[in-house]
Each structure stands twice: as structure tokens, then as C-alpha cells.
Amino acid sequence: MDNILSVIYIMNKIILFPSVYAHVINGLLILFAFIMLCKNYSKIGILEPYKFIMLLLVFSMAVGIHGLSHLGLEKIYGYNPLNFIYK
């Protein structure tokens, strides 16, 4: 029970920061892009290699920026979403 109360306290504390909103929006956009990728796989599979590599690099940059956002949330606010799973 104490763990749940501490999580609620932390969430109420960091929900006030704009960087948290930016992080959540970034994650939702990556999820949307992944869903669109899966739905349109037949069109993406026939792309010429250069365009396919560019598409993969853009997706890689999006995931990398999202990972850096996780690092910032962990370092500055002490928030690690994996604590819900592994504690």
C-alpha cells in the first residue's frame, strides 16, 4: 500500500511539468506511427532501398529522442516507469 501511495505522490508531483506532457505526446505519436507502419506494411515493403533506409532512420531518431526523454525524467524528477513492474 505504501508503494502505491508513493507512486501517486510522485505522479501528482511530476504531472505539473511540461516536459512530462511532451514525453507522453512523443510516445503516443511513436505508437501511432508504428500502428500506421503495420497497417501499411504492403506499401512500405515495396519502397526502394534508399527510401526504406530513410524511413528506418527517422523512426530510429524518434525512438532515440523518446529514450533521451526517459533519461531526463529519471535524472531530474526521479521517475522510472519500470519501477511499477520490477518493485
Protein backbone atom coordinates (compact mmCIF):
# COMPACT_ATOMS: atom_id res chain seq x y z
CA MET A 1 0.00 0.00 0.00
CA ASP A 2 2.86 2.38 0.80
CA ASN A 3 4.31 1.74 -2.65
CA ILE A 4 1.03 2.76 -4.30
CA LEU A 5 0.81 5.92 -2.20
CA SER A 6 4.37 6.89 -3.06
CA VAL A 7 3.63 6.34 -6.77
CA ILE A 8 0.53 8.54 -6.53
CA TYR A 9 2.58 11.24 -4.76
CA ILE A 10 5.30 11.13 -7.43
CA MET A 11 2.75 11.22 -10.25
CA ASN A 12 0.98 14.23 -8.72
CA LYS A 13 4.34 15.95 -8.33
CA ILE A 14 5.66 15.46 -11.89
CA ILE A 15 2.39 15.82 -13.77
CA LEU A 16 2.83 19.59 -13.40
CA PHE A 17 5.90 19.76 -15.66
CA PRO A 18 5.54 20.45 -19.40
CA SER A 19 8.35 18.01 -20.24
CA VAL A 20 6.17 15.16 -18.99
CA TYR A 21 3.42 16.18 -21.41
CA ALA A 22 5.92 16.43 -24.26
CA HIS A 23 7.20 12.96 -23.39
CA VAL A 24 3.72 11.44 -23.35
CA ILE A 25 2.76 13.09 -26.65
CA ASN A 26 6.01 11.87 -28.20
CA GLY A 27 5.26 8.32 -27.04
CA LEU A 28 1.73 8.46 -28.44
CA LEU A 29 3.00 9.72 -31.79
CA ILE A 30 5.55 6.91 -31.97
CA LEU A 31 2.80 4.40 -31.16
CA PHE A 32 0.59 5.91 -33.89
CA ALA A 33 3.46 5.77 -36.39
CA PHE A 34 4.09 2.12 -35.52
CA ILE A 35 0.42 1.25 -35.97
CA MET A 36 0.36 3.02 -39.33
CA LEU A 37 3.54 1.18 -40.32
CA CYS A 38 1.92 -2.16 -39.51
CA LYS A 39 -1.31 -1.29 -41.33
CA ASN A 40 0.54 -0.15 -44.47
CA TYR A 41 3.28 -2.76 -44.49
CA SER A 42 2.48 -3.89 -48.04
CA LYS A 43 3.13 -0.38 -49.36
CA ILE A 44 6.23 0.14 -47.23
CA GLY A 45 7.67 -3.25 -48.18
CA ILE A 46 7.91 -2.27 -51.85
CA LEU A 47 9.77 1.00 -51.24
CA GLU A 48 13.09 1.41 -52.93
CA PRO A 49 16.01 0.72 -50.54
CA TYR A 50 17.05 4.38 -50.12
CA LYS A 51 13.55 5.49 -49.05
CA PHE A 52 13.21 2.48 -46.77
CA ILE A 53 16.53 3.30 -45.06
CA MET A 54 15.42 6.93 -44.63
CA LEU A 55 12.15 5.76 -43.08
CA LEU A 56 14.01 3.48 -40.67
CA LEU A 57 16.41 6.27 -39.72
CA VAL A 58 13.56 8.68 -38.97
CA PHE A 59 11.86 6.05 -36.81
CA SER A 60 15.19 5.37 -35.09
CA MET A 61 15.62 9.06 -34.31
CA ALA A 62 12.09 9.25 -32.87
CA VAL A 63 12.72 6.29 -30.57
CA GLY A 64 16.14 7.67 -29.58
CA ILE A 65 14.70 11.06 -28.67
CA HIS A 66 11.99 9.34 -26.67
CA GLY A 67 14.70 7.37 -24.84
CA LEU A 68 16.55 10.59 -24.03
CA SER A 69 13.32 11.96 -22.66
CA HIS A 70 13.11 8.92 -20.36
CA LEU A 71 16.65 9.65 -19.19
CA GLY A 72 15.72 13.24 -18.39
CA LEU A 73 12.63 12.18 -16.46
CA GLU A 74 14.67 9.67 -14.46
CA LYS A 75 17.52 12.06 -13.69
CA ILE A 76 15.61 15.25 -12.94
CA TYR A 77 12.36 14.00 -11.42
CA GLY A 78 13.42 10.58 -10.16
CA TYR A 79 10.66 8.95 -12.22
CA ASN A 80 11.27 5.49 -13.64
CA PRO A 81 8.16 3.85 -15.12
CA LEU A 82 9.75 0.39 -14.87
CA ASN A 83 9.58 0.64 -11.07
CA PHE A 84 5.89 -0.27 -11.36
CA ILE A 85 6.87 -3.62 -12.89
CA TYR A 86 10.02 -4.58 -11.02
CA LYS A 87 9.28 -3.49 -7.45
